[in-house]
Amino acid sequence: MTDPASPTPNSTLVTAWKAATATLKAGRIDSPSIDARLLLEVATGATRTDILADPYRAVTAGQQAALDAYVERRLRREPVSRILGRKGFWKIMLNVTPDVLSPRPDTEAILDVVMLAFPPHRAFEMIDLGTGSGAILLATLAERAGARGVGTDISSEALAVAKENAANLDLDDRATFLRTEWAAGFGDDSFDLVVSNPPYIPSGDIPGLDPEVRDHDPLLALDGGPDGLTAYRELAPEIRRILRPDGIFAVEIGWDQGPQVKALFEAAGFEGVIVVKDLSDRDRVVTNGPDPRTNPVPKM
């Protein structure tokens, strides 16, 4: 019987990484090298630095078996974040479960707006509507020590994940979470900043999504109704109600929804509404705040 703690013949960090990469590439997985490295790190307890600085460290039979199991799951189109139960977002690491949307780099475009609109050390109050894992709220609080915030969600399971993430990041003294629909229960003119990444996929488009999204993200966080705009019709007047007169809002949108969502917020009474592009040069955020693509965040 093989001892799981004994080295696998000729298996090292670098050979295991290369083999896993080749397997994922053959399986037509996007970013096979990055995915293989992330899975290898967890399977072996190695860091990225270890893999680069000590590439010929032996991999044990147990570690190889764990890596092989992870790779098999990835080949079945399970996202790395679901396999590992965590996902990096902005500068923080978050726990993710099947009850929350796995945070994506696209959503960081909201943080670009927020960082420019609210300079360091400014005190402000914010709310994240449909907070999920707490990604936007917690990434903001981690960057802005003077900020306090609330995350709302209708999913008790999602709120449990968000609370755990806040505690892990030592932000639970500045973050509060509440089960409610959008901003129900909050008074007028309550917040300096309102953010949201609502569901915006048209219902009919969901069956055609990548399996990583369709089969692993909660439907509640994806389905935006027949035209994908249901949430924005609800959010625009609510955000107008709870936002202070000089406040900023920023909501994520689908890449082809800019004009429609902009019009909904203008109809709700907002002025100076713009559409901000993400790093892929696609429309990604509707806001009444600054455009980081034309006014980049100054280096502090």
C-alpha atoms as a PDB file:
ATOM      1  CA  MET A   1       0.000   0.000   0.000  1.00  0.00           C
ATOM      2  CA  THR A   2       1.405   3.381  -0.990  1.00  0.00           C
ATOM      3  CA  ASP A   3       2.232   5.726   1.853  1.00  0.00           C
ATOM      4  CA  PRO A   4       0.460   9.010   1.011  1.00  0.00           C
ATOM      5  CA  ALA A   5       3.271  10.918   2.736  1.00  0.00           C
ATOM      6  CA  SER A   6       6.014   9.334   0.619  1.00  0.00           C
ATOM      7  CA  PRO A   7       7.325  11.136  -2.468  1.00  0.00           C
ATOM      8  CA  THR A   8       5.879  10.180  -5.818  1.00  0.00           C
ATOM      9  CA  PRO A   9       8.719   8.981  -8.065  1.00  0.00           C
ATOM     10  CA  ASN A  10      10.072  11.865 -10.166  1.00  0.00           C
ATOM     11  CA  SER A  11       7.169  14.119  -9.153  1.00  0.00           C
ATOM     12  CA  THR A  12       8.157  17.642  -8.170  1.00  0.00           C
ATOM     13  CA  LEU A  13       6.324  20.924  -7.918  1.00  0.00           C
ATOM     14  CA  VAL A  14       7.362  21.916 -11.424  1.00  0.00           C
ATOM     15  CA  THR A  15       6.611  18.558 -13.061  1.00  0.00           C
ATOM     16  CA  ALA A  16       3.238  18.340 -11.311  1.00  0.00           C
ATOM     17  CA  TRP A  17       2.425  21.905 -12.424  1.00  0.00           C
ATOM     18  CA  LYS A  18       3.381  21.192 -16.018  1.00  0.00           C
ATOM     19  CA  ALA A  19       1.428  17.932 -16.122  1.00  0.00           C
ATOM     20  CA  ALA A  20      -1.683  19.512 -14.641  1.00  0.00           C
ATOM     21  CA  THR A  21      -1.389  22.428 -17.058  1.00  0.00           C
ATOM     22  CA  ALA A  22      -1.135  20.056 -20.027  1.00  0.00           C
ATOM     23  CA  THR A  23      -4.168  18.094 -18.863  1.00  0.00           C
ATOM     24  CA  LEU A  24      -6.281  21.228 -18.442  1.00  0.00           C
ATOM     25  CA  LYS A  25      -5.114  22.620 -21.776  1.00  0.00           C
ATOM     26  CA  ALA A  26      -6.077  19.378 -23.501  1.00  0.00           C
ATOM     27  CA  GLY A  27      -9.472  19.702 -21.829  1.00  0.00           C
ATOM     28  CA  ARG A  28      -9.879  23.183 -23.372  1.00  0.00           C
ATOM     29  CA  ILE A  29      -9.934  24.913 -20.002  1.00  0.00           C
ATOM     30  CA  ASP A  30      -9.277  28.656 -20.079  1.00  0.00           C
ATOM     31  CA  SER A  31      -6.105  29.788 -18.253  1.00  0.00           C
ATOM     32  CA  PRO A  32      -4.806  26.234 -17.738  1.00  0.00           C
ATOM     33  CA  SER A  33      -1.451  27.321 -16.289  1.00  0.00           C
ATOM     34  CA  ILE A  34      -2.974  29.671 -13.698  1.00  0.00           C
ATOM     35  CA  ASP A  35      -5.645  27.161 -12.708  1.00  0.00           C
ATOM     36  CA  ALA A  36      -3.063  24.381 -12.400  1.00  0.00           C
ATOM     37  CA  ARG A  37      -0.857  26.547 -10.183  1.00  0.00           C
ATOM     38  CA  LEU A  38      -3.721  27.502  -7.855  1.00  0.00           C
ATOM     39  CA  LEU A  39      -4.776  23.874  -7.506  1.00  0.00           C
ATOM     40  CA  LEU A  40      -1.173  22.771  -6.961  1.00  0.00           C
ATOM     41  CA  GLU A  41      -0.663  25.339  -4.214  1.00  0.00           C
ATOM     42  CA  VAL A  42      -3.596  24.005  -2.215  1.00  0.00           C
ATOM     43  CA  ALA A  43      -2.882  20.335  -2.906  1.00  0.00           C
ATOM     44  CA  THR A  44       0.742  20.641  -1.735  1.00  0.00           C
ATOM     45  CA  GLY A  45       0.609  23.512   0.730  1.00  0.00           C
ATOM     46  CA  ALA A  46       3.131  25.363  -1.409  1.00  0.00           C
ATOM     47  CA  THR A  47       3.030  29.070  -2.171  1.00  0.00           C
ATOM     48  CA  ARG A  48       3.587  30.685  -5.521  1.00  0.00           C
ATOM     49  CA  THR A  49       7.035  31.703  -4.287  1.00  0.00           C
ATOM     50  CA  ASP A  50       7.807  28.110  -3.292  1.00  0.00           C
ATOM     51  CA  ILE A  51       6.968  26.872  -6.779  1.00  0.00           C
ATOM     52  CA  LEU A  52       9.313  29.429  -8.333  1.00  0.00           C
ATOM     53  CA  ALA A  53      12.125  29.256  -5.766  1.00  0.00           C
ATOM     54  CA  ASP A  54      12.042  25.515  -4.993  1.00  0.00           C
ATOM     55  CA  PRO A  55      10.579  23.940  -8.160  1.00  0.00           C
ATOM     56  CA  TYR A  56      12.157  20.532  -7.573  1.00  0.00           C
ATOM     57  CA  ARG A  57      10.590  19.999  -4.149  1.00  0.00           C
ATOM     58  CA  ALA A  58       9.164  16.471  -4.067  1.00  0.00           C
ATOM     59  CA  VAL A  59       5.407  15.983  -4.276  1.00  0.00           C
ATOM     60  CA  THR A  60       4.065  13.185  -2.069  1.00  0.00           C
ATOM     61  CA  ALA A  61       1.638  10.533  -3.254  1.00  0.00           C
ATOM     62  CA  GLY A  62      -1.107  12.074  -1.135  1.00  0.00           C
ATOM     63  CA  GLN A  63      -0.461  15.530  -2.550  1.00  0.00           C
ATOM     64  CA  GLN A  64      -0.464  14.184  -6.104  1.00  0.00           C
ATOM     65  CA  ALA A  65      -3.732  12.371  -5.491  1.00  0.00           C
ATOM     66  CA  ALA A  66      -5.305  15.573  -4.164  1.00  0.00           C
ATOM     67  CA  LEU A  67      -4.076  17.510  -7.196  1.00  0.00           C
ATOM     68  CA  ASP A  68      -5.374  14.851  -9.582  1.00  0.00           C
ATOM     69  CA  ALA A  69      -8.796  15.014  -7.922  1.00  0.00           C
ATOM     70  CA  TYR A  70      -8.864  18.809  -8.225  1.00  0.00           C
ATOM     71  CA  VAL A  71      -7.879  18.643 -11.896  1.00  0.00           C
ATOM     72  CA  GLU A  72     -10.644  16.126 -12.583  1.00  0.00           C
ATOM     73  CA  ARG A  73     -13.197  18.477 -11.046  1.00  0.00           C
ATOM     74  CA  ARG A  74     -11.863  21.382 -13.104  1.00  0.00           C
ATOM     75  CA  LEU A  75     -12.149  19.278 -16.276  1.00  0.00           C
ATOM     76  CA  ARG A  76     -15.842  18.907 -15.429  1.00  0.00           C
ATOM     77  CA  ARG A  77     -15.983  22.712 -15.599  1.00  0.00           C
ATOM     78  CA  GLU A  78     -16.205  23.328 -11.889  1.00  0.00           C
ATOM     79  CA  PRO A  79     -14.568  26.716 -11.263  1.00  0.00           C
ATOM     80  CA  VAL A  80     -11.349  26.846  -9.266  1.00  0.00           C
ATOM     81  CA  SER A  81     -13.056  29.122  -6.732  1.00  0.00           C
ATOM     82  CA  ARG A  82     -15.686  26.444  -6.100  1.00  0.00           C
ATOM     83  CA  ILE A  83     -13.110  23.668  -5.811  1.00  0.00           C
ATOM     84  CA  LEU A  84     -11.053  25.634  -3.300  1.00  0.00           C
ATOM     85  CA  GLY A  85     -13.932  27.455  -1.587  1.00  0.00           C
ATOM     86  CA  ARG A  86     -12.257  30.840  -1.887  1.00  0.00           C
ATOM     87  CA  LYS A  87     -11.641  33.587  -4.423  1.00  0.00           C
ATOM     88  CA  GLY A  88      -9.432  36.645  -4.549  1.00  0.00           C
ATOM     89  CA  PHE A  89     -11.146  39.964  -5.252  1.00  0.00           C
ATOM     90  CA  TRP A  90      -9.413  43.345  -5.435  1.00  0.00           C
ATOM     91  CA  LYS A  91      -6.866  42.961  -2.597  1.00  0.00           C
ATOM     92  CA  ILE A  92      -8.794  40.610  -0.333  1.00  0.00           C
ATOM     93  CA  MET A  93      -9.487  36.869  -0.179  1.00  0.00           C
ATOM     94  CA  LEU A  94     -13.072  35.721   0.246  1.00  0.00           C
ATOM     95  CA  ASN A  95     -14.715  32.447   1.149  1.00  0.00           C
ATOM     96  CA  VAL A  96     -17.270  31.429  -1.470  1.00  0.00           C
ATOM     97  CA  THR A  97     -19.948  28.756  -1.297  1.00  0.00           C
ATOM     98  CA  PRO A  98     -22.676  27.607  -3.706  1.00  0.00           C
ATOM     99  CA  ASP A  99     -24.924  30.207  -2.027  1.00  0.00           C
ATOM    100  CA  VAL A 100     -23.012  33.214  -3.405  1.00  0.00           C
ATOM    101  CA  LEU A 101     -21.821  34.512  -6.742  1.00  0.00           C
ATOM    102  CA  SER A 102     -18.118  33.908  -7.246  1.00  0.00           C
ATOM    103  CA  PRO A 103     -16.660  37.448  -7.482  1.00  0.00           C
ATOM    104  CA  ARG A 104     -15.161  38.373 -10.829  1.00  0.00           C
ATOM    105  CA  PRO A 105     -12.487  40.836 -11.949  1.00  0.00           C
ATOM    106  CA  ASP A 106     -15.141  42.718 -13.980  1.00  0.00           C
ATOM    107  CA  THR A 107     -16.759  43.863 -10.735  1.00  0.00           C
ATOM    108  CA  GLU A 108     -13.533  45.569  -9.666  1.00  0.00           C
ATOM    109  CA  ALA A 109     -14.504  48.366 -12.072  1.00  0.00           C
ATOM    110  CA  ILE A 110     -16.882  49.522  -9.302  1.00  0.00           C
ATOM    111  CA  LEU A 111     -13.910  49.747  -6.918  1.00  0.00           C
ATOM    112  CA  ASP A 112     -12.056  51.912  -9.435  1.00  0.00           C
ATOM    113  CA  VAL A 113     -14.905  54.438  -9.285  1.00  0.00           C
ATOM    114  CA  VAL A 114     -15.187  54.277  -5.502  1.00  0.00           C
ATOM    115  CA  MET A 115     -11.454  54.737  -4.874  1.00  0.00           C
ATOM    116  CA  LEU A 116     -11.472  57.874  -7.006  1.00  0.00           C
ATOM    117  CA  ALA A 117     -14.660  59.287  -5.516  1.00  0.00           C
ATOM    118  CA  PHE A 118     -13.705  58.700  -1.862  1.00  0.00           C
ATOM    119  CA  PRO A 119     -10.092  59.584  -1.024  1.00  0.00           C
ATOM    120  CA  PRO A 120      -8.216  57.858   1.824  1.00  0.00           C
ATOM    121  CA  HIS A 121      -9.141  58.833   5.397  1.00  0.00           C
ATOM    122  CA  ARG A 122     -12.482  60.335   4.372  1.00  0.00           C
ATOM    123  CA  ALA A 123     -15.270  59.097   6.624  1.00  0.00           C
ATOM    124  CA  PHE A 124     -18.366  57.913   4.772  1.00  0.00           C
ATOM    125  CA  GLU A 125     -21.271  55.510   5.038  1.00  0.00           C
ATOM    126  CA  MET A 126     -22.087  53.020   2.304  1.00  0.00           C
ATOM    127  CA  ILE A 127     -24.507  50.237   1.465  1.00  0.00           C
ATOM    128  CA  ASP A 128     -24.004  47.252  -0.846  1.00  0.00           C
ATOM    129  CA  LEU A 129     -27.370  46.087  -2.190  1.00  0.00           C
ATOM    130  CA  GLY A 130     -27.422  42.346  -2.886  1.00  0.00           C
ATOM    131  CA  THR A 131     -24.060  41.907  -1.204  1.00  0.00           C
ATOM    132  CA  GLY A 132     -23.601  38.150  -1.753  1.00  0.00           C
ATOM    133  CA  SER A 133     -20.143  37.259  -0.411  1.00  0.00           C
ATOM    134  CA  GLY A 134     -19.677  40.876   0.693  1.00  0.00           C
ATOM    135  CA  ALA A 135     -17.039  41.413  -1.988  1.00  0.00           C
ATOM    136  CA  ILE A 136     -17.661  45.062  -2.934  1.00  0.00           C
ATOM    137  CA  LEU A 137     -18.415  46.240   0.597  1.00  0.00           C
ATOM    138  CA  LEU A 138     -15.469  44.484   2.227  1.00  0.00           C
ATOM    139  CA  ALA A 139     -12.975  45.435  -0.491  1.00  0.00           C
ATOM    140  CA  THR A 140     -13.994  49.070  -0.002  1.00  0.00           C
ATOM    141  CA  LEU A 141     -13.761  48.954   3.791  1.00  0.00           C
ATOM    142  CA  ALA A 142     -10.339  47.292   3.538  1.00  0.00           C
ATOM    143  CA  GLU A 143      -9.107  50.240   1.464  1.00  0.00           C
ATOM    144  CA  ARG A 144     -10.886  53.071   3.285  1.00  0.00           C
ATOM    145  CA  ALA A 145     -10.360  53.059   7.058  1.00  0.00           C
ATOM    146  CA  GLY A 146     -12.903  55.842   7.615  1.00  0.00           C
ATOM    147  CA  ALA A 147     -15.733  53.966   5.941  1.00  0.00           C
ATOM    148  CA  ARG A 148     -18.567  52.033   7.540  1.00  0.00           C
ATOM    149  CA  GLY A 149     -21.084  49.976   5.621  1.00  0.00           C
ATOM    150  CA  VAL A 150     -24.108  47.745   5.387  1.00  0.00           C
ATOM    151  CA  GLY A 151     -24.617  44.767   3.097  1.00  0.00           C
ATOM    152  CA  THR A 152     -28.144  43.598   2.301  1.00  0.00           C
ATOM    153  CA  ASP A 153     -29.335  40.388   0.697  1.00  0.00           C
ATOM    154  CA  ILE A 154     -32.514  38.330   0.606  1.00  0.00           C
ATOM    155  CA  SER A 155     -30.487  35.130   1.054  1.00  0.00           C
ATOM    156  CA  SER A 156     -29.747  34.198   4.663  1.00  0.00           C
ATOM    157  CA  GLU A 157     -27.121  31.747   3.419  1.00  0.00           C
ATOM    158  CA  ALA A 158     -25.327  34.479   1.471  1.00  0.00           C
ATOM    159  CA  LEU A 159     -25.367  36.774   4.487  1.00  0.00           C
ATOM    160  CA  ALA A 160     -23.768  34.056   6.599  1.00  0.00           C
ATOM    161  CA  VAL A 161     -20.913  33.854   4.079  1.00  0.00           C
ATOM    162  CA  ALA A 162     -20.535  37.653   4.039  1.00  0.00           C
ATOM    163  CA  LYS A 163     -20.430  37.821   7.842  1.00  0.00           C
ATOM    164  CA  GLU A 164     -17.755  35.128   7.957  1.00  0.00           C
ATOM    165  CA  ASN A 165     -15.701  37.008   5.368  1.00  0.00           C
ATOM    166  CA  ALA A 166     -15.999  40.237   7.366  1.00  0.00           C
ATOM    167  CA  ALA A 167     -14.794  38.465  10.495  1.00  0.00           C
ATOM    168  CA  ASN A 168     -11.886  36.820   8.680  1.00  0.00           C
ATOM    169  CA  LEU A 169     -10.795  40.237   7.374  1.00  0.00           C
ATOM    170  CA  ASP A 170     -11.219  41.922  10.790  1.00  0.00           C
ATOM    171  CA  LEU A 171     -13.824  44.218   9.283  1.00  0.00           C
ATOM    172  CA  ASP A 172     -16.829  43.061  11.293  1.00  0.00           C
ATOM    173  CA  ASP A 173     -16.616  46.168  13.502  1.00  0.00           C
ATOM    174  CA  ARG A 174     -17.351  48.361  10.466  1.00  0.00           C
ATOM    175  CA  ALA A 175     -19.590  46.047   8.427  1.00  0.00           C
ATOM    176  CA  THR A 176     -23.202  45.160   9.212  1.00  0.00           C
ATOM    177  CA  PHE A 177     -25.353  42.704   7.288  1.00  0.00           C
ATOM    178  CA  LEU A 178     -29.131  42.645   7.052  1.00  0.00           C
ATOM    179  CA  ARG A 179     -31.638  40.362   5.368  1.00  0.00           C
ATOM    180  CA  THR A 180     -33.946  42.586   3.335  1.00  0.00           C
ATOM    181  CA  GLU A 181     -34.902  43.257  -0.271  1.00  0.00           C
ATOM    182  CA  TRP A 182     -32.552  45.867  -1.700  1.00  0.00           C
ATOM    183  CA  ALA A 183     -32.881  48.956   0.556  1.00  0.00           C
ATOM    184  CA  ALA A 184     -36.221  48.155   2.199  1.00  0.00           C
ATOM    185  CA  GLY A 185     -36.303  49.517   5.744  1.00  0.00           C
ATOM    186  CA  PHE A 186     -33.630  52.176   5.306  1.00  0.00           C
ATOM    187  CA  GLY A 187     -34.462  55.855   5.655  1.00  0.00           C
ATOM    188  CA  ASP A 188     -34.176  58.561   3.011  1.00  0.00           C
ATOM    189  CA  ASP A 189     -30.778  60.233   2.528  1.00  0.00           C
ATOM    190  CA  SER A 190     -28.971  57.572   4.592  1.00  0.00           C
ATOM    191  CA  PHE A 191     -25.794  56.876   2.616  1.00  0.00           C
ATOM    192  CA  ASP A 192     -22.887  58.641   0.929  1.00  0.00           C
ATOM    193  CA  LEU A 193     -22.230  55.661  -1.350  1.00  0.00           C
ATOM    194  CA  VAL A 194     -24.541  53.003  -2.785  1.00  0.00           C
ATOM    195  CA  VAL A 195     -23.103  50.077  -4.761  1.00  0.00           C
ATOM    196  CA  SER A 196     -24.645  46.978  -6.272  1.00  0.00           C
ATOM    197  CA  ASN A 197     -23.893  44.090  -8.584  1.00  0.00           C
ATOM    198  CA  PRO A 198     -27.462  42.942  -9.247  1.00  0.00           C
ATOM    199  CA  PRO A 199     -28.585  40.011 -11.407  1.00  0.00           C
ATOM    200  CA  TYR A 200     -28.569  41.224 -15.023  1.00  0.00           C
ATOM    201  CA  ILE A 201     -28.528  38.170 -17.295  1.00  0.00           C
ATOM    202  CA  PRO A 202     -31.716  37.927 -19.408  1.00  0.00           C
ATOM    203  CA  SER A 203     -33.586  34.797 -18.343  1.00  0.00           C
ATOM    204  CA  GLY A 204     -33.429  33.309 -21.830  1.00  0.00           C
ATOM    205  CA  ASP A 205     -29.645  33.656 -21.985  1.00  0.00           C
ATOM    206  CA  ILE A 206     -28.902  31.627 -18.854  1.00  0.00           C
ATOM    207  CA  PRO A 207     -28.986  28.160 -20.510  1.00  0.00           C
ATOM    208  CA  GLY A 208     -26.253  29.328 -22.907  1.00  0.00           C
ATOM    209  CA  LEU A 209     -23.842  30.560 -20.231  1.00  0.00           C
ATOM    210  CA  ASP A 210     -20.524  28.826 -19.608  1.00  0.00           C
ATOM    211  CA  PRO A 211     -20.980  25.773 -17.348  1.00  0.00           C
ATOM    212  CA  GLU A 212     -18.738  27.404 -14.734  1.00  0.00           C
ATOM    213  CA  VAL A 213     -21.390  30.109 -14.308  1.00  0.00           C
ATOM    214  CA  ARG A 214     -24.629  28.346 -15.250  1.00  0.00           C
ATOM    215  CA  ASP A 215     -24.040  25.272 -13.100  1.00  0.00           C
ATOM    216  CA  HIS A 216     -22.269  26.799 -10.109  1.00  0.00           C
ATOM    217  CA  ASP A 217     -23.476  30.365  -9.464  1.00  0.00           C
ATOM    218  CA  PRO A 218     -26.858  30.762  -7.712  1.00  0.00           C
ATOM    219  CA  LEU A 219     -29.673  31.494 -10.176  1.00  0.00           C
ATOM    220  CA  LEU A 220     -30.888  34.232  -7.846  1.00  0.00           C
ATOM    221  CA  ALA A 221     -27.667  36.157  -8.505  1.00  0.00           C
ATOM    222  CA  LEU A 222     -27.850  35.726 -12.287  1.00  0.00           C
ATOM    223  CA  ASP A 223     -31.439  36.040 -13.493  1.00  0.00           C
ATOM    224  CA  GLY A 224     -32.278  39.631 -14.403  1.00  0.00           C
ATOM    225  CA  GLY A 225     -35.713  38.900 -15.814  1.00  0.00           C
ATOM    226  CA  PRO A 226     -36.879  38.778 -19.444  1.00  0.00           C
ATOM    227  CA  ASP A 227     -34.656  41.672 -20.611  1.00  0.00           C
ATOM    228  CA  GLY A 228     -32.062  41.588 -17.836  1.00  0.00           C
ATOM    229  CA  LEU A 229     -33.161  44.985 -16.499  1.00  0.00           C
ATOM    230  CA  THR A 230     -35.682  44.036 -13.803  1.00  0.00           C
ATOM    231  CA  ALA A 231     -33.320  44.780 -10.915  1.00  0.00           C
ATOM    232  CA  TYR A 232     -32.351  48.213 -12.265  1.00  0.00           C
ATOM    233  CA  ARG A 233     -35.990  49.271 -12.544  1.00  0.00           C
ATOM    234  CA  GLU A 234     -36.324  48.496  -8.835  1.00  0.00           C
ATOM    235  CA  LEU A 235     -32.936  49.868  -7.832  1.00  0.00           C
ATOM    236  CA  ALA A 236     -32.912  53.263  -9.557  1.00  0.00           C
ATOM    237  CA  PRO A 237     -35.708  54.899  -7.503  1.00  0.00           C
ATOM    238  CA  GLU A 238     -34.581  53.146  -4.304  1.00  0.00           C
ATOM    239  CA  ILE A 239     -30.991  54.326  -4.718  1.00  0.00           C
ATOM    240  CA  ARG A 240     -32.271  57.831  -5.417  1.00  0.00           C
ATOM    241  CA  ARG A 241     -34.269  57.675  -2.169  1.00  0.00           C
ATOM    242  CA  ILE A 242     -31.512  56.457   0.185  1.00  0.00           C
ATOM    243  CA  LEU A 243     -28.592  58.374  -1.335  1.00  0.00           C
ATOM    244  CA  ARG A 244     -27.598  61.679   0.232  1.00  0.00           C
ATOM    245  CA  PRO A 245     -27.771  64.772  -2.018  1.00  0.00           C
ATOM    246  CA  ASP A 246     -24.043  64.752  -2.794  1.00  0.00           C
ATOM    247  CA  GLY A 247     -23.753  60.963  -2.734  1.00  0.00           C
ATOM    248  CA  ILE A 248     -22.344  58.586  -5.320  1.00  0.00           C
ATOM    249  CA  PHE A 249     -23.838  55.384  -6.682  1.00  0.00           C
ATOM    250  CA  ALA A 250     -22.163  52.722  -8.823  1.00  0.00           C
ATOM    251  CA  VAL A 251     -23.876  49.622 -10.220  1.00  0.00           C
ATOM    252  CA  GLU A 252     -22.453  46.859 -12.369  1.00  0.00           C
ATOM    253  CA  ILE A 253     -24.146  46.170 -15.716  1.00  0.00           C
ATOM    254  CA  GLY A 254     -23.940  43.739 -18.588  1.00  0.00           C
ATOM    255  CA  TRP A 255     -21.635  44.884 -21.376  1.00  0.00           C
ATOM    256  CA  ASP A 256     -24.576  45.752 -23.685  1.00  0.00           C
ATOM    257  CA  GLN A 257     -26.842  47.431 -21.108  1.00  0.00           C
ATOM    258  CA  GLY A 258     -25.169  50.831 -20.682  1.00  0.00           C
ATOM    259  CA  PRO A 259     -27.660  53.083 -22.513  1.00  0.00           C
ATOM    260  CA  GLN A 260     -30.724  51.385 -21.019  1.00  0.00           C
ATOM    261  CA  VAL A 261     -29.496  51.432 -17.412  1.00  0.00           C
ATOM    262  CA  LYS A 262     -28.218  55.002 -17.756  1.00  0.00           C
ATOM    263  CA  ALA A 263     -31.682  56.047 -18.948  1.00  0.00           C
ATOM    264  CA  LEU A 264     -33.357  54.333 -15.986  1.00  0.00           C
ATOM    265  CA  PHE A 265     -31.224  56.266 -13.486  1.00  0.00           C
ATOM    266  CA  GLU A 266     -31.764  59.528 -15.331  1.00  0.00           C
ATOM    267  CA  ALA A 267     -35.508  58.861 -15.257  1.00  0.00           C
ATOM    268  CA  ALA A 268     -35.205  58.403 -11.480  1.00  0.00           C
ATOM    269  CA  GLY A 269     -33.857  61.946 -11.218  1.00  0.00           C
ATOM    270  CA  PHE A 270     -30.086  61.530 -11.307  1.00  0.00           C
ATOM    271  CA  GLU A 271     -27.892  63.992 -13.184  1.00  0.00           C
ATOM    272  CA  GLY A 272     -24.403  63.472 -14.555  1.00  0.00           C
ATOM    273  CA  VAL A 273     -24.908  59.736 -15.090  1.00  0.00           C
ATOM    274  CA  ILE A 274     -22.110  58.086 -17.066  1.00  0.00           C
ATOM    275  CA  VAL A 275     -21.174  54.617 -18.267  1.00  0.00           C
ATOM    276  CA  VAL A 276     -17.688  53.421 -17.241  1.00  0.00           C
ATOM    277  CA  LYS A 277     -15.766  50.788 -19.167  1.00  0.00           C
ATOM    278  CA  ASP A 278     -13.835  47.920 -17.641  1.00  0.00           C
ATOM    279  CA  LEU A 279     -10.259  46.900 -18.472  1.00  0.00           C
ATOM    280  CA  SER A 280     -11.561  44.929 -21.464  1.00  0.00           C
ATOM    281  CA  ASP A 281     -12.999  48.194 -22.823  1.00  0.00           C
ATOM    282  CA  ARG A 282     -16.579  47.024 -22.335  1.00  0.00           C
ATOM    283  CA  ASP A 283     -19.343  48.979 -20.617  1.00  0.00           C
ATOM    284  CA  ARG A 284     -19.384  47.729 -17.024  1.00  0.00           C
ATOM    285  CA  VAL A 285     -20.549  50.363 -14.498  1.00  0.00           C
ATOM    286  CA  VAL A 286     -23.254  53.024 -14.457  1.00  0.00           C
ATOM    287  CA  THR A 287     -22.523  55.802 -11.963  1.00  0.00           C
ATOM    288  CA  ASN A 288     -22.934  59.485 -11.183  1.00  0.00           C
ATOM    289  CA  GLY A 289     -19.350  59.488  -9.953  1.00  0.00           C
ATOM    290  CA  PRO A 290     -15.993  60.059 -11.648  1.00  0.00           C
ATOM    291  CA  ASP A 291     -14.724  58.045 -14.597  1.00  0.00           C
ATOM    292  CA  PRO A 292     -11.440  56.342 -13.623  1.00  0.00           C
ATOM    293  CA  ARG A 293     -10.642  55.775 -17.301  1.00  0.00           C
ATOM    294  CA  THR A 294     -10.325  59.536 -17.841  1.00  0.00           C
ATOM    295  CA  ASN A 295      -9.455  60.580 -14.270  1.00  0.00           C
ATOM    296  CA  PRO A 296      -7.218  57.824 -12.907  1.00  0.00           C
ATOM    297  CA  VAL A 297      -6.797  57.388  -9.177  1.00  0.00           C
ATOM    298  CA  PRO A 298      -3.768  59.460  -8.112  1.00  0.00           C
ATOM    299  CA  LYS A 299      -0.827  57.544  -6.670  1.00  0.00           C
ATOM    300  CA  MET A 300      -0.731  58.137  -2.929  1.00  0.00           C
END
